[in-house]
Amino acid sequence: MSDAQAIVDRFEIEALRGEFTDAGMMRDYDRLASLFTQDGVWRIPDVNVGFVSREEIRAGVERLRELWDFFVQNVHPGTIQLQGDTAVGRAYVSEFGRMRDGSSHLNYAVYHDRYRRTSDGWKFAERVYEIRYVDTTPLAGSASHAAPAPGN
């Protein structure tokens, strides 16, 4: 693989990770599911969540987001190790929000990722969310408004 191709691949994988966060924040569940391979897997072992396939991911993320009154996720770049048409990597996450039941949630986590090059570009083959720290102290602030509908 050329150095130029490696730079392009890294850029595209970083963009993929950014699209995931944006799609989740904007409640664009179809776009979020499309970021995975057809047989892609998204797991959150700490809360016994696991979805296999774009269809399960799409339905699952919508169910999970409905539990939240508001939610903010910030992702920080991690590693990317290219292996031809596959790659592995990590992204570091901080997120907070309030659940509809009134409980608050702040956590720091790591996404452990496997990526695969497809005819449609790089996709997630697997995302595993490992929570490293949780704080359930009530949040003092409030959400100003709901996220706009997809496409707005």
Protein backbone atom coordinates (compact mmCIF):
# COMPACT_ATOMS: atom_id res chain seq x y z
CA MET A 1 0.00 0.00 0.00
CA SER A 2 1.34 3.43 -0.90
CA ASP A 3 1.81 6.16 1.67
CA ALA A 4 -0.78 8.25 -0.19
CA GLN A 5 -3.34 5.43 -0.04
CA ALA A 6 -2.69 4.97 3.68
CA ILE A 7 -3.36 8.68 4.25
CA VAL A 8 -6.61 8.47 2.26
CA ASP A 9 -7.69 5.35 4.15
CA ARG A 10 -7.02 6.94 7.53
CA PHE A 11 -8.91 10.07 6.50
CA GLU A 12 -11.90 8.04 5.31
CA ILE A 13 -11.99 5.94 8.50
CA GLU A 14 -11.84 9.09 10.65
CA ALA A 15 -14.71 10.53 8.60
CA LEU A 16 -16.66 7.30 9.16
CA ARG A 17 -16.25 7.69 12.93
CA GLY A 18 -17.41 11.30 12.70
CA GLU A 19 -20.46 10.29 10.66
CA PHE A 20 -21.42 7.76 13.35
CA THR A 21 -21.44 10.42 16.07
CA ASP A 22 -23.27 12.93 13.90
CA ALA A 23 -25.93 10.42 12.82
CA GLY A 24 -26.55 9.44 16.45
CA MET A 25 -26.72 13.03 17.67
CA MET A 26 -29.07 14.02 14.83
CA ARG A 27 -31.23 10.90 15.29
CA ASP A 28 -30.59 9.83 11.70
CA TYR A 29 -30.87 6.10 12.38
CA ASP A 30 -30.93 5.04 8.73
CA ARG A 31 -27.63 6.83 8.11
CA LEU A 32 -26.13 5.38 11.28
CA ALA A 33 -27.03 1.82 10.26
CA SER A 34 -25.66 2.40 6.74
CA LEU A 35 -22.20 3.01 8.25
CA PHE A 36 -21.94 -0.71 9.07
CA THR A 37 -21.34 -3.63 6.74
CA GLN A 38 -24.46 -5.71 6.04
CA ASP A 39 -23.35 -8.19 8.72
CA GLY A 40 -21.92 -5.49 10.98
CA VAL A 41 -21.99 -5.79 14.77
CA TRP A 42 -22.46 -3.10 17.41
CA ARG A 43 -22.06 -4.18 21.03
CA ILE A 44 -22.19 -2.49 24.42
CA PRO A 45 -21.27 -5.37 26.76
CA ASP A 46 -21.61 -3.35 30.00
CA VAL A 47 -25.37 -3.07 29.44
CA ASN A 48 -25.88 -6.37 27.58
CA VAL A 49 -26.62 -4.73 24.24
CA GLY A 50 -25.67 -6.38 20.98
CA PHE A 51 -26.97 -5.89 17.46
CA VAL A 52 -25.96 -7.91 14.40
CA SER A 53 -26.91 -6.58 10.94
CA ARG A 54 -27.87 -3.15 9.71
CA GLU A 55 -31.53 -3.87 10.42
CA GLU A 56 -30.91 -4.74 14.08
CA ILE A 57 -28.58 -1.78 14.50
CA ARG A 58 -31.15 0.59 13.00
CA ALA A 59 -33.97 -0.65 15.24
CA GLY A 60 -31.73 -0.95 18.29
CA VAL A 61 -30.27 2.55 18.18
CA GLU A 62 -33.75 4.02 17.85
CA ARG A 63 -34.92 2.07 20.93
CA LEU A 64 -31.86 3.16 22.91
CA ARG A 65 -32.19 6.84 21.98
CA GLU A 66 -35.85 6.85 23.01
CA LEU A 67 -34.65 6.22 26.59
CA TRP A 68 -32.87 9.60 26.62
CA ASP A 69 -34.41 13.03 27.26
CA PHE A 70 -31.19 14.48 25.83
CA PHE A 71 -27.79 13.10 24.95
CA VAL A 72 -24.42 14.55 23.89
CA GLN A 73 -21.50 12.47 22.63
CA ASN A 74 -17.98 13.75 21.96
CA VAL A 75 -15.48 11.49 20.23
CA HIS A 76 -11.75 11.97 20.22
CA PRO A 77 -9.45 10.39 17.63
CA GLY A 78 -7.64 7.25 18.62
CA THR A 79 -5.61 4.73 16.69
CA ILE A 80 -6.05 3.25 13.24
CA GLN A 81 -4.00 0.24 12.11
CA LEU A 82 -4.43 -0.52 8.43
CA GLN A 83 -4.27 -4.11 7.18
CA GLY A 84 -5.08 -3.90 3.46
CA ASP A 85 -8.86 -3.89 3.04
CA THR A 86 -9.42 -4.17 6.79
CA ALA A 87 -8.31 -2.10 9.74
CA VAL A 88 -8.65 -1.96 13.51
CA GLY A 89 -8.80 1.09 15.70
CA ARG A 90 -9.97 2.81 18.83
CA ALA A 91 -11.86 6.05 19.46
CA TYR A 92 -12.22 7.71 22.86
CA VAL A 93 -15.65 8.91 23.93
CA SER A 94 -17.18 11.18 26.53
CA GLU A 95 -20.94 11.44 26.71
CA PHE A 96 -23.58 12.75 29.02
CA GLY A 97 -27.31 13.23 29.16
CA ARG A 98 -30.46 12.72 31.08
CA MET A 99 -32.67 9.69 30.72
CA ARG A 100 -36.45 10.03 30.42
CA ASP A 101 -36.77 8.51 33.91
CA GLY A 102 -34.91 11.57 35.27
CA SER A 103 -31.58 9.85 35.97
CA SER A 104 -28.37 11.44 34.71
CA HIS A 105 -25.45 9.79 33.02
CA LEU A 106 -21.87 10.88 32.34
CA ASN A 107 -19.33 8.41 31.09
CA TYR A 108 -15.95 8.01 29.46
CA ALA A 109 -15.48 5.07 27.14
CA VAL A 110 -13.50 3.51 24.33
CA TYR A 111 -14.83 2.22 21.02
CA HIS A 112 -12.87 -0.83 19.86
CA ASP A 113 -13.45 -0.97 16.10
CA ARG A 114 -12.94 -3.27 13.16
CA TYR A 115 -13.33 -1.65 9.74
CA ARG A 116 -13.74 -3.15 6.29
CA ARG A 117 -13.31 -1.53 2.87
CA THR A 118 -16.42 -2.12 0.75
CA SER A 119 -17.50 -0.97 -2.70
CA ASP A 120 -19.24 1.90 -0.85
CA GLY A 121 -16.12 2.87 1.10
CA TRP A 122 -14.98 2.03 4.63
CA LYS A 123 -17.64 0.63 6.97
CA PHE A 124 -17.72 -0.63 10.52
CA ALA A 125 -17.51 -4.42 10.65
CA GLU A 126 -17.73 -4.22 14.45
CA ARG A 127 -17.95 -1.53 17.14
CA VAL A 128 -17.58 -2.55 20.77
CA TYR A 129 -18.22 0.14 23.38
CA GLU A 130 -16.20 -0.31 26.58
CA ILE A 131 -17.28 1.98 29.42
CA ARG A 132 -14.31 3.03 31.56
CA TYR A 133 -15.98 5.49 33.97
CA VAL A 134 -19.60 6.28 34.91
CA ASP A 135 -21.00 9.11 37.01
CA THR A 136 -24.72 9.23 37.78
CA THR A 137 -24.64 12.50 39.74
CA PRO A 138 -27.70 14.56 38.69
CA LEU A 139 -26.87 17.05 35.94
CA ALA A 140 -27.58 20.66 36.91
CA GLY A 141 -28.27 21.96 33.41
CA SER A 142 -31.06 21.45 30.93
CA ALA A 143 -31.47 20.80 27.22
CA SER A 144 -32.46 23.87 25.20
CA HIS A 145 -34.29 22.01 22.41
CA ALA A 146 -34.64 18.67 20.67
CA ALA A 147 -32.41 17.64 17.78
CA PRO A 148 -33.79 18.58 14.36
CA ALA A 149 -35.33 15.88 12.21
CA PRO A 150 -32.95 14.18 9.74
CA GLY A 151 -32.34 16.33 6.68
CA ASN A 152 -33.00 19.66 8.43
